[in-house]
């Protein structure tokens, strides 16, 4: 696992922030986003990385950004490390395939989630109250059911710990009514197109999380888009409502960790080689299916 990139050190470039997966640097008037091979579970960054995970996340995002260009602009300036400014050329070996040079935007203080199926925290709330983020759903739905129409369920953004689901009315208070409605409408359009494209390839996109920013007075897409870290991808062939579905993501890691006597606090346990190998293969598989 010598090629795992868990942390980047790019000389005298200014590191703005180090998230659970991405390192963000300032490059003049632009930002350099590097997707590392770090992996988190239950909001804890684990001591082992997943070799190549950052490359898969970056390439899937770039594919989807390209598919949505006519719906909304995105923040990508360049993604070929060979074309980056001279100050970055010496790091091209590290940056190749796992980085994006992007425009600086003011991130919106909410995350935009669209759900087409009943799963995760939405399923938990539905069982308790018959709603998802305060939206009343029909009675009698089961886990993983397809919703009659996709629903928009925003959340707050947490630097640490869990994001908190909020109502659309609360989002209006945070962002302003016009911006909230634009975010909702664009998010639903993106999900609708992505779902249609994915279904042609035998994939269900159960739900997805998007982030937007403000640039020159207009909304643009930022961060990542429709990756295994931000979305639930299921196989149409194996889809069976009434239970949880097998996802193309790090569910293998979560399932393994739940078998351990671990209190879900830092630093987290090391992962066996076979769990790491199975996880990256799931990421690569969904990359191959989605992008062709």
Protein backbone atom coordinates (compact mmCIF):
# COMPACT_ATOMS: atom_id res chain seq x y z
CA UNK A 1 0.00 0.00 0.00
CA UNK A 2 2.94 2.31 -0.65
CA UNK A 3 0.97 4.40 -3.18
CA UNK A 4 -1.73 5.46 -0.73
CA UNK A 5 -1.97 9.27 -0.54
CA UNK A 6 -3.33 9.98 2.93
CA UNK A 7 -1.94 13.49 3.27
CA UNK A 8 -0.47 15.95 0.80
CA UNK A 9 2.46 18.26 1.48
CA UNK A 10 2.91 20.70 -1.38
CA UNK A 11 5.90 22.79 -0.36
CA UNK A 12 5.09 26.40 0.40
CA UNK A 13 1.56 26.32 -1.04
CA UNK A 14 -0.92 27.59 1.51
CA UNK A 15 -3.10 24.78 2.89
CA UNK A 16 -6.53 26.32 3.50
CA UNK A 17 -8.19 23.28 5.01
CA UNK A 18 -7.89 19.53 5.38
CA UNK A 19 -11.26 17.80 5.32
CA UNK A 20 -12.14 14.17 5.85
CA UNK A 21 -11.00 13.36 2.30
CA UNK A 22 -9.87 16.54 0.50
CA UNK A 23 -6.92 18.89 0.99
CA UNK A 24 -7.57 22.41 -0.31
CA UNK A 25 -4.73 24.79 -1.24
CA UNK A 26 -4.70 28.40 -2.35
CA UNK A 27 -3.13 29.01 -5.77
CA UNK A 28 -3.35 32.72 -6.48
CA UNK A 29 -6.98 33.57 -7.24
CA UNK A 30 -7.88 29.89 -7.53
CA UNK A 31 -8.04 26.82 -5.31
CA UNK A 32 -6.42 23.43 -5.75
CA UNK A 33 -8.58 20.58 -4.45
CA UNK A 34 -6.77 17.28 -3.92
CA UNK A 35 -8.83 14.15 -3.22
CA UNK A 36 -6.67 11.97 -0.98
CA UNK A 37 -7.12 8.28 -0.23
CA UNK A 38 -8.33 8.98 3.30
CA UNK A 39 -11.48 7.16 4.33
CA UNK A 40 -13.86 8.05 7.12
CA UNK A 41 -16.55 6.00 8.79
CA UNK A 42 -19.00 7.14 11.44
CA UNK A 43 -17.37 10.59 11.17
CA UNK A 44 -13.90 9.26 12.10
CA UNK A 45 -11.00 9.38 9.62
CA UNK A 46 -9.47 5.91 9.80
CA UNK A 47 -5.72 5.23 10.05
CA UNK A 48 -5.63 3.33 6.72
CA UNK A 49 -6.23 4.83 3.32
CA UNK A 50 -7.83 3.18 0.29
CA UNK A 51 -5.32 3.28 -2.55
CA UNK A 52 -6.72 5.09 -5.59
CA UNK A 53 -9.96 6.20 -3.93
CA UNK A 54 -9.19 9.90 -4.45
CA UNK A 55 -8.64 9.35 -8.18
CA UNK A 56 -11.97 7.56 -8.53
CA UNK A 57 -13.82 10.34 -6.69
CA UNK A 58 -12.22 13.05 -8.83
CA UNK A 59 -12.83 11.33 -12.17
CA UNK A 60 -16.47 10.53 -11.37
CA UNK A 61 -17.05 14.13 -10.31
CA UNK A 62 -15.51 15.42 -13.54
CA UNK A 63 -17.75 13.10 -15.56
CA UNK A 64 -20.90 14.38 -13.84
CA UNK A 65 -19.81 18.04 -13.95
CA UNK A 66 -19.56 17.60 -17.72
CA UNK A 67 -23.05 16.08 -17.93
CA UNK A 68 -24.63 19.00 -16.05
CA UNK A 69 -22.93 21.98 -17.74
CA UNK A 70 -26.09 23.11 -19.49
CA UNK A 71 -28.04 23.05 -16.21
CA UNK A 72 -25.54 25.02 -14.11
CA UNK A 73 -21.92 26.15 -14.24
CA UNK A 74 -19.35 24.43 -12.02
CA UNK A 75 -16.13 25.54 -10.40
CA UNK A 76 -13.65 23.49 -12.47
CA UNK A 77 -10.92 25.45 -14.25
CA UNK A 78 -8.58 22.53 -15.10
CA UNK A 79 -8.10 18.91 -14.08
CA UNK A 80 -5.04 17.93 -16.13
CA UNK A 81 -2.04 18.34 -13.83
CA UNK A 82 0.17 18.82 -16.88
CA UNK A 83 -1.60 22.12 -17.64
CA UNK A 84 -1.46 23.54 -14.10
CA UNK A 85 0.51 26.71 -13.28
CA UNK A 86 4.29 26.33 -13.12
CA UNK A 87 4.29 26.38 -9.31
CA UNK A 88 2.37 23.08 -9.33
CA UNK A 89 4.30 21.21 -12.02
CA UNK A 90 6.77 19.68 -9.56
CA UNK A 91 3.84 17.97 -7.80
CA UNK A 92 2.24 16.54 -10.94
CA UNK A 93 2.99 12.98 -9.83
CA UNK A 94 0.90 13.45 -6.71
CA UNK A 95 -1.79 15.57 -8.37
CA UNK A 96 -2.40 13.51 -11.51
CA UNK A 97 -6.01 12.30 -11.78
CA UNK A 98 -6.88 13.24 -8.19
CA UNK A 99 -6.96 17.02 -8.28
CA UNK A 100 -8.91 19.94 -9.70
CA UNK A 101 -7.93 23.57 -10.08
CA UNK A 102 -11.12 25.47 -9.34
CA UNK A 103 -12.62 28.95 -9.06
CA UNK A 104 -13.00 30.46 -5.61
CA UNK A 105 -16.66 30.65 -4.67
CA UNK A 106 -18.46 31.51 -1.46
CA UNK A 107 -19.89 28.14 -0.30
CA UNK A 108 -23.57 28.08 0.54
CA UNK A 109 -24.15 27.26 4.24
CA UNK A 110 -26.41 24.29 3.41
CA UNK A 111 -26.01 20.95 1.67
CA UNK A 112 -28.56 20.06 -0.98
CA UNK A 113 -29.82 16.49 -0.74
CA UNK A 114 -32.22 14.83 -3.17
CA UNK A 115 -33.80 11.50 -2.29
CA UNK A 116 -35.47 9.26 -4.84
CA UNK A 117 -35.67 6.26 -2.53
CA UNK A 118 -36.37 5.74 1.17
CA UNK A 119 -33.07 4.93 2.84
CA UNK A 120 -30.61 6.01 5.54
CA UNK A 121 -31.70 8.78 7.90
CA UNK A 122 -34.81 9.32 5.75
CA UNK A 123 -35.99 5.76 6.40
CA UNK A 124 -35.29 6.16 10.12
CA UNK A 125 -37.39 9.35 10.33
CA UNK A 126 -40.18 7.84 8.23
CA UNK A 127 -40.48 4.86 10.59
CA UNK A 128 -40.75 7.19 13.56
CA UNK A 129 -42.96 9.96 12.17
CA UNK A 130 -44.08 9.14 8.65
CA UNK A 131 -42.06 12.07 7.30
CA UNK A 132 -38.64 12.78 5.78
CA UNK A 133 -37.24 16.17 6.81
CA UNK A 134 -40.79 17.17 7.69
CA UNK A 135 -42.20 16.13 4.29
CA UNK A 136 -45.22 13.85 4.79
CA UNK A 137 -44.97 10.64 2.74
CA UNK A 138 -47.66 8.03 1.97
CA UNK A 139 -48.29 5.35 4.59
CA UNK A 140 -47.08 1.79 4.16
CA UNK A 141 -43.72 2.44 2.52
CA UNK A 142 -40.89 0.00 3.23
CA UNK A 143 -37.14 0.49 3.40
CA UNK A 144 -35.57 1.24 -0.01
CA UNK A 145 -38.94 1.97 -1.65
CA UNK A 146 -38.85 4.24 -4.70
CA UNK A 147 -40.61 7.52 -3.93
CA UNK A 148 -43.40 8.68 -6.22
CA UNK A 149 -41.36 11.81 -6.95
CA UNK A 150 -37.86 12.75 -5.72
CA UNK A 151 -37.83 15.02 -2.67
CA UNK A 152 -35.44 17.83 -1.74
CA UNK A 153 -34.19 17.57 1.85
CA UNK A 154 -31.48 20.10 2.77
CA UNK A 155 -29.15 19.87 5.74
CA UNK A 156 -26.80 22.12 7.64
CA UNK A 157 -23.07 21.77 7.02
CA UNK A 158 -20.97 20.56 9.94
CA UNK A 159 -17.17 20.85 9.91
CA UNK A 160 -17.12 18.13 12.54
CA UNK A 161 -19.71 15.52 13.47
CA UNK A 162 -23.03 15.00 11.74
CA UNK A 163 -24.89 17.33 9.42
CA UNK A 164 -28.40 18.09 10.63
CA UNK A 165 -31.44 17.71 8.37
CA UNK A 166 -33.55 20.86 8.16
CA UNK A 167 -36.89 21.81 6.63
CA UNK A 168 -37.14 23.83 3.42
CA UNK A 169 -38.68 26.68 5.43
CA UNK A 170 -35.60 26.71 7.67
CA UNK A 171 -33.41 26.74 4.57
CA UNK A 172 -35.31 29.79 3.29
CA UNK A 173 -34.43 31.57 6.54
CA UNK A 174 -30.74 30.70 6.12
CA UNK A 175 -30.24 31.44 2.41
CA UNK A 176 -33.16 33.70 1.51
CA UNK A 177 -36.26 32.57 -0.33
CA UNK A 178 -35.12 33.12 -3.94
CA UNK A 179 -31.80 31.35 -3.41
CA UNK A 180 -33.47 28.45 -1.60
CA UNK A 181 -35.89 27.90 -4.47
CA UNK A 182 -33.10 28.07 -7.06
CA UNK A 183 -31.03 25.56 -5.08
CA UNK A 184 -33.97 23.21 -4.81
CA UNK A 185 -34.91 23.46 -8.48
CA UNK A 186 -31.37 22.96 -9.78
CA UNK A 187 -30.73 20.07 -7.37
CA UNK A 188 -33.86 18.26 -8.55
CA UNK A 189 -32.93 18.83 -12.21
CA UNK A 190 -29.42 17.45 -11.66
CA UNK A 191 -30.73 14.41 -9.84
CA UNK A 192 -33.37 13.79 -12.48
CA UNK A 193 -30.82 13.80 -15.30
CA UNK A 194 -28.31 11.70 -13.33
CA UNK A 195 -30.97 9.13 -12.43
CA UNK A 196 -32.03 8.81 -16.06
CA UNK A 197 -28.44 8.36 -17.27
CA UNK A 198 -27.58 5.89 -14.50
CA UNK A 199 -30.69 3.75 -15.02
CA UNK A 200 -29.68 3.23 -18.65
CA UNK A 201 -26.53 1.63 -17.24
CA UNK A 202 -28.35 -0.53 -14.70
CA UNK A 203 -27.69 1.71 -11.70
CA UNK A 204 -30.13 3.25 -9.21
CA UNK A 205 -29.09 6.54 -7.60
CA UNK A 206 -31.03 6.30 -4.35
CA UNK A 207 -30.01 9.72 -3.08
CA UNK A 208 -27.23 12.26 -3.44
CA UNK A 209 -25.75 15.29 -1.73
CA UNK A 210 -24.61 18.39 -3.63
CA UNK A 211 -22.86 21.60 -2.70
CA UNK A 212 -23.15 25.00 -4.32
CA UNK A 213 -21.30 28.27 -4.06
CA UNK A 214 -21.86 31.87 -5.09
CA UNK A 215 -19.54 33.37 -7.71
CA UNK A 216 -20.06 36.81 -9.26
CA UNK A 217 -23.62 36.88 -7.99
CA UNK A 218 -24.60 33.51 -9.46
CA UNK A 219 -24.83 29.96 -8.13
CA UNK A 220 -22.33 27.37 -9.32
CA UNK A 221 -21.70 23.71 -8.46
CA UNK A 222 -18.69 23.11 -6.21
CA UNK A 223 -16.96 20.31 -4.28
CA UNK A 224 -17.76 16.83 -5.65
CA UNK A 225 -20.75 15.54 -7.61
CA UNK A 226 -22.53 12.18 -7.60
CA UNK A 227 -19.62 10.16 -6.23
CA UNK A 228 -19.78 7.02 -4.05
CA UNK A 229 -18.92 9.27 -1.09
CA UNK A 230 -21.88 11.61 -1.69
CA UNK A 231 -24.48 9.25 -3.15
CA UNK A 232 -26.01 5.81 -2.76
CA UNK A 233 -25.61 3.72 -5.92
CA UNK A 234 -27.50 0.42 -6.12
CA UNK A 235 -27.67 -2.29 -8.77
CA UNK A 236 -31.04 -2.34 -10.56
CA UNK A 237 -30.61 -6.07 -11.12
CA UNK A 238 -30.25 -6.80 -7.39
CA UNK A 239 -32.71 -4.15 -6.13
CA UNK A 240 -35.21 -5.56 -3.63
CA UNK A 241 -37.39 -3.20 -1.53
CA UNK A 242 -38.08 -4.04 2.11
CA UNK A 243 -34.46 -4.11 3.27
CA UNK A 244 -31.18 -2.24 3.00
CA UNK A 245 -29.44 -2.52 -0.39
CA UNK A 246 -25.85 -3.36 -1.26
CA UNK A 247 -24.18 -0.04 -2.17
CA UNK A 248 -21.22 0.81 -4.37
CA UNK A 249 -19.37 2.65 -1.62
CA UNK A 250 -17.61 2.14 1.73
CA UNK A 251 -20.47 0.09 3.19
CA UNK A 252 -18.06 -2.85 3.29
CA UNK A 253 -15.94 -0.87 5.76
CA UNK A 254 -18.93 0.20 7.88
CA UNK A 255 -20.18 -3.38 8.06
CA UNK A 256 -16.74 -4.61 9.14
CA UNK A 257 -16.38 -1.92 11.80
CA UNK A 258 -19.77 -2.82 13.29
CA UNK A 259 -18.40 -6.30 14.06
CA UNK A 260 -15.66 -4.80 16.27
CA UNK A 261 -15.63 -3.64 19.86
CA UNK A 262 -14.97 -0.02 18.85
CA UNK A 263 -16.55 3.04 20.47
CA UNK A 264 -16.50 5.00 17.17
CA UNK A 265 -14.04 7.60 18.41
CA UNK A 266 -10.66 8.65 17.02
CA UNK A 267 -8.25 7.16 15.94
CA UNK A 268 -10.28 4.17 14.78
CA UNK A 269 -9.05 0.62 14.06
CA UNK A 270 -6.83 -0.52 11.22
CA UNK A 271 -8.54 -2.26 8.31
CA UNK A 272 -7.61 -5.75 7.07
CA UNK A 273 -6.10 -5.94 3.58
CA UNK A 274 -9.07 -7.88 2.21
CA UNK A 275 -11.54 -5.20 3.35
CA UNK A 276 -9.39 -2.50 1.72
CA UNK A 277 -9.16 -4.49 -1.52
CA UNK A 278 -12.92 -5.15 -1.67
CA UNK A 279 -13.68 -1.48 -1.00
CA UNK A 280 -11.53 -0.03 -3.77
CA UNK A 281 -12.88 -2.59 -6.21
CA UNK A 282 -16.42 -1.39 -5.43
CA UNK A 283 -15.34 2.21 -6.11
CA UNK A 284 -13.64 1.22 -9.36
CA UNK A 285 -16.63 -0.84 -10.44
CA UNK A 286 -19.11 2.02 -10.13
CA UNK A 287 -16.61 4.30 -11.90
CA UNK A 288 -16.41 1.90 -14.83
CA UNK A 289 -20.18 1.46 -15.02
CA UNK A 290 -21.03 5.17 -14.79
CA UNK A 291 -18.35 6.58 -17.07
CA UNK A 292 -18.05 3.66 -19.48
